[in-house]
N, C-alpha and C. Protein backbone atom coordinates (compact mmCIF):
# COMPACT_ATOMS: atom_id res chain seq x y z
N UNK A 1 0.48 -0.87 -0.02
CA UNK A 1 0.03 -0.49 0.04
C UNK A 1 0.65 1.27 -0.11
N UNK A 2 0.36 2.19 -0.90
CA UNK A 2 1.64 3.11 -1.20
C UNK A 2 1.25 4.11 0.46
N UNK A 3 2.62 4.79 1.01
CA UNK A 3 2.29 5.49 1.96
C UNK A 3 1.85 7.39 1.72
N UNK A 4 1.00 7.89 1.77
CA UNK A 4 0.55 9.25 1.30
C UNK A 4 0.74 10.25 2.21
N UNK A 5 2.19 9.50 3.11
CA UNK A 5 2.61 10.53 4.35
C UNK A 5 0.93 10.94 5.79
N UNK A 6 1.04 11.83 6.23
CA UNK A 6 0.20 12.21 7.58
C UNK A 6 -0.53 13.44 7.60
N UNK A 7 -1.15 13.91 8.62
CA UNK A 7 -1.59 15.19 8.96
C UNK A 7 -1.27 15.30 10.23
N UNK A 8 -0.31 16.47 10.59
CA UNK A 8 -0.50 16.18 12.49
C UNK A 8 -0.88 17.47 12.79
N UNK A 9 -1.65 17.37 14.01
CA UNK A 9 -2.19 18.65 14.46
C UNK A 9 -1.16 19.19 15.65
N UNK A 10 -0.94 20.69 15.49
CA UNK A 10 0.26 21.23 16.04
C UNK A 10 -0.76 22.16 17.10
N UNK A 11 -1.81 21.69 17.85
CA UNK A 11 -2.88 22.19 18.80
C UNK A 11 -1.79 23.04 20.24
N UNK A 12 -1.24 21.91 20.82
CA UNK A 12 -0.01 22.02 22.08
C UNK A 12 0.78 23.27 21.48
N UNK A 13 1.00 23.37 20.48
CA UNK A 13 2.12 23.90 20.57
C UNK A 13 1.81 25.57 20.40
N UNK A 14 0.47 25.59 19.75
CA UNK A 14 0.13 26.80 19.59
C UNK A 14 -0.31 27.82 20.75
N UNK A 15 -1.34 26.23 21.63
CA UNK A 15 -1.38 26.47 22.73
C UNK A 15 -0.16 27.65 23.22
N UNK A 16 0.86 26.70 23.82
CA UNK A 16 2.21 26.74 25.01
C UNK A 16 2.46 28.52 23.89
N UNK A 17 2.61 29.01 22.79
CA UNK A 17 3.04 30.19 22.04
C UNK A 17 2.17 31.00 22.65
N UNK A 18 1.09 31.13 22.93
CA UNK A 18 0.21 32.10 22.93
C UNK A 18 -0.41 32.18 24.66
N UNK A 19 0.18 30.97 25.45
CA UNK A 19 0.14 31.31 26.67
C UNK A 19 -1.34 31.02 26.82
N UNK A 20 -2.04 30.06 26.38
CA UNK A 20 -3.40 29.61 26.47
C UNK A 20 -3.69 28.09 27.01
N UNK A 21 -4.41 28.57 28.11
CA UNK A 21 -4.53 26.53 28.43
C UNK A 21 -5.98 26.05 27.72
N UNK A 22 -5.17 24.57 27.73
CA UNK A 22 -6.71 23.46 27.36
C UNK A 22 -7.77 23.54 27.72
N UNK A 23 -7.61 23.99 29.44
CA UNK A 23 -9.11 24.58 29.61
C UNK A 23 -9.73 25.42 29.19
N UNK A 24 -9.07 26.40 28.19
CA UNK A 24 -9.55 27.97 28.41
C UNK A 24 -10.44 27.62 27.54
N UNK A 25 -9.03 27.04 25.91
CA UNK A 25 -9.82 26.07 24.70
C UNK A 25 -10.96 25.60 24.55
N UNK A 26 -10.85 24.47 25.62
CA UNK A 26 -11.95 23.73 25.80
C UNK A 26 -13.29 24.72 26.32
N UNK A 27 -13.66 25.49 26.84
CA UNK A 27 -14.49 26.18 26.74
C UNK A 27 -14.87 27.14 26.23
N UNK A 28 -13.94 27.68 25.84
CA UNK A 28 -14.55 28.56 24.80
C UNK A 28 -14.88 28.69 23.63
N UNK A 29 -14.18 26.95 22.83
CA UNK A 29 -14.55 26.62 21.47
C UNK A 29 -15.70 25.37 22.06
N UNK A 30 -15.92 25.67 23.59
CA UNK A 30 -17.39 24.14 23.70
C UNK A 30 -17.02 23.34 23.03
N UNK A 31 -15.69 22.51 23.78
CA UNK A 31 -15.37 21.34 22.73
C UNK A 31 -15.22 19.93 24.00
N UNK A 32 -15.76 19.43 24.08
CA UNK A 32 -15.39 18.29 25.17
C UNK A 32 -13.80 17.90 25.34
N UNK A 33 -13.38 17.39 26.86
CA UNK A 33 -12.47 17.18 26.62
C UNK A 33 -11.63 16.06 25.83
N UNK A 34 -12.11 15.25 25.79
CA UNK A 34 -11.68 13.88 25.20
C UNK A 34 -11.99 14.22 23.95
N UNK A 35 -12.58 14.98 23.39
CA UNK A 35 -12.59 15.84 21.86
C UNK A 35 -10.95 16.43 21.50
N UNK A 36 -10.55 17.29 22.16
CA UNK A 36 -9.67 18.17 22.12
C UNK A 36 -8.83 17.19 22.60
N UNK A 37 -8.48 16.51 23.14
CA UNK A 37 -7.20 15.23 23.64
C UNK A 37 -6.89 14.85 22.29
N UNK A 38 -7.94 14.14 21.73
CA UNK A 38 -7.96 13.32 20.68
C UNK A 38 -6.96 14.35 18.95
N UNK A 39 -7.36 15.67 19.17
CA UNK A 39 -6.72 16.43 18.39
C UNK A 39 -5.50 16.75 18.86
N UNK A 40 -5.20 16.85 19.73
CA UNK A 40 -3.88 17.44 20.15
C UNK A 40 -2.77 16.01 20.29
N UNK A 41 -3.71 14.91 20.52
CA UNK A 41 -2.11 13.66 19.97
C UNK A 41 -2.96 12.99 19.18
N UNK A 42 -2.98 13.96 18.20
CA UNK A 42 -2.86 12.86 16.88
C UNK A 42 -3.78 11.73 16.42
N UNK A 43 -4.70 11.84 17.49
CA UNK A 43 -5.62 10.50 17.23
C UNK A 43 -6.73 10.22 16.53
N UNK A 44 -7.40 11.66 15.48
CA UNK A 44 -8.32 12.08 15.17
C UNK A 44 -8.45 11.08 14.00
N UNK A 45 -9.24 10.56 13.72
CA UNK A 45 -9.33 9.48 12.43
C UNK A 45 -10.14 10.39 11.17
N UNK A 46 -11.33 11.40 11.66
CA UNK A 46 -12.07 12.22 11.00
C UNK A 46 -12.26 13.27 11.54
N UNK A 47 -11.49 14.03 10.27
CA UNK A 47 -11.96 15.93 11.09
C UNK A 47 -12.73 16.33 10.76
N UNK A 48 -13.56 17.14 12.13
CA UNK A 48 -14.67 17.97 11.44
C UNK A 48 -14.34 19.10 11.35
N UNK A 49 -14.82 20.03 10.56
CA UNK A 49 -14.59 21.29 9.87
C UNK A 49 -14.94 22.11 11.13
N UNK A 50 -16.17 22.11 11.34
CA UNK A 50 -16.60 22.78 12.64
C UNK A 50 -15.66 23.00 13.36
N UNK A 51 -15.18 21.69 14.16
CA UNK A 51 -14.40 21.98 15.45
C UNK A 51 -12.77 22.25 15.00
N UNK A 52 -12.40 22.13 14.16
CA UNK A 52 -11.32 23.22 13.66
C UNK A 52 -12.03 24.57 13.68
N UNK A 53 -12.70 24.60 12.96
CA UNK A 53 -13.07 26.27 12.60
C UNK A 53 -13.31 27.00 14.35
N UNK A 54 -13.68 26.20 15.04
CA UNK A 54 -13.84 26.62 16.67
C UNK A 54 -12.71 26.68 17.01
N UNK A 55 -11.64 25.83 16.94
CA UNK A 55 -10.50 26.03 17.68
C UNK A 55 -9.36 27.01 17.07
N UNK A 56 -9.20 27.25 15.86
CA UNK A 56 -9.02 28.74 14.71
C UNK A 56 -9.42 30.14 15.42
N UNK A 57 -10.73 29.82 15.51
CA UNK A 57 -11.70 31.29 16.02
C UNK A 57 -11.10 31.90 17.47
N UNK A 58 -11.08 30.41 18.18
CA UNK A 58 -10.81 30.75 19.84
C UNK A 58 -8.67 31.47 19.98
N UNK A 59 -8.17 30.41 19.09
CA UNK A 59 -6.72 30.58 19.36
C UNK A 59 -6.11 32.03 17.96
N UNK A 60 -7.17 32.26 17.31
CA UNK A 60 -7.30 33.41 16.80
C UNK A 60 -5.89 33.04 15.84
N UNK A 61 -6.20 32.05 14.93
CA UNK A 61 -4.98 31.76 13.65
C UNK A 61 -5.40 31.06 12.66
N UNK A 62 -4.47 30.16 11.89
CA UNK A 62 -5.19 30.34 10.76
C UNK A 62 -5.23 28.36 10.84
N UNK A 63 -5.38 27.53 9.32
CA UNK A 63 -5.90 26.35 9.56
C UNK A 63 -3.81 25.85 9.86
N UNK A 64 -3.46 26.18 9.01
CA UNK A 64 -1.92 26.40 8.34
C UNK A 64 -1.19 26.01 10.33
N UNK A 65 -1.61 27.05 11.01
CA UNK A 65 -1.16 27.09 12.29
C UNK A 65 -1.00 25.63 13.21
N UNK A 66 -2.48 25.27 12.73
CA UNK A 66 -2.65 24.20 13.90
C UNK A 66 -2.40 22.13 13.34
N UNK A 67 -2.36 22.48 11.86
CA UNK A 67 -2.39 21.21 11.17
C UNK A 67 -1.20 21.24 10.24
N UNK A 68 -0.43 20.31 9.93
CA UNK A 68 0.93 20.27 8.86
C UNK A 68 0.82 18.56 8.46
N UNK A 69 1.18 19.11 6.91
CA UNK A 69 0.85 17.59 6.51
C UNK A 69 2.24 17.30 6.44
N UNK A 70 2.84 16.33 6.42
CA UNK A 70 4.16 15.55 6.59
C UNK A 70 4.14 14.41 5.09
N UNK A 71 4.71 14.22 4.52
CA UNK A 71 5.00 13.54 3.34
C UNK A 71 6.52 12.73 4.25
N UNK A 72 5.50 11.14 4.00
CA UNK A 72 6.91 9.84 4.93
C UNK A 72 7.67 9.44 3.64
C-alpha cells in the first residue's frame, strides 16, 4: 500500500506559544475534553471542520498554524 504521508496537529504548540490553557480552549470552543485531547494527540481519524473552525477562532490563528502535512 502506498504511503501518502499524514496530517499532524500542532494545537499544543500554538497553545504554548499563545499562553492559552487547554481548559480555556475547551471552554471557549465548546469542546469536550476527550475530543480536544484526540486532536492534540493526533488520534483523530476524521476531522470535523466545525471543530477546526472553533479551535482557529479561539486561538485566533489559521488552519496552517494548527495542522501540517508531513510526507513520509
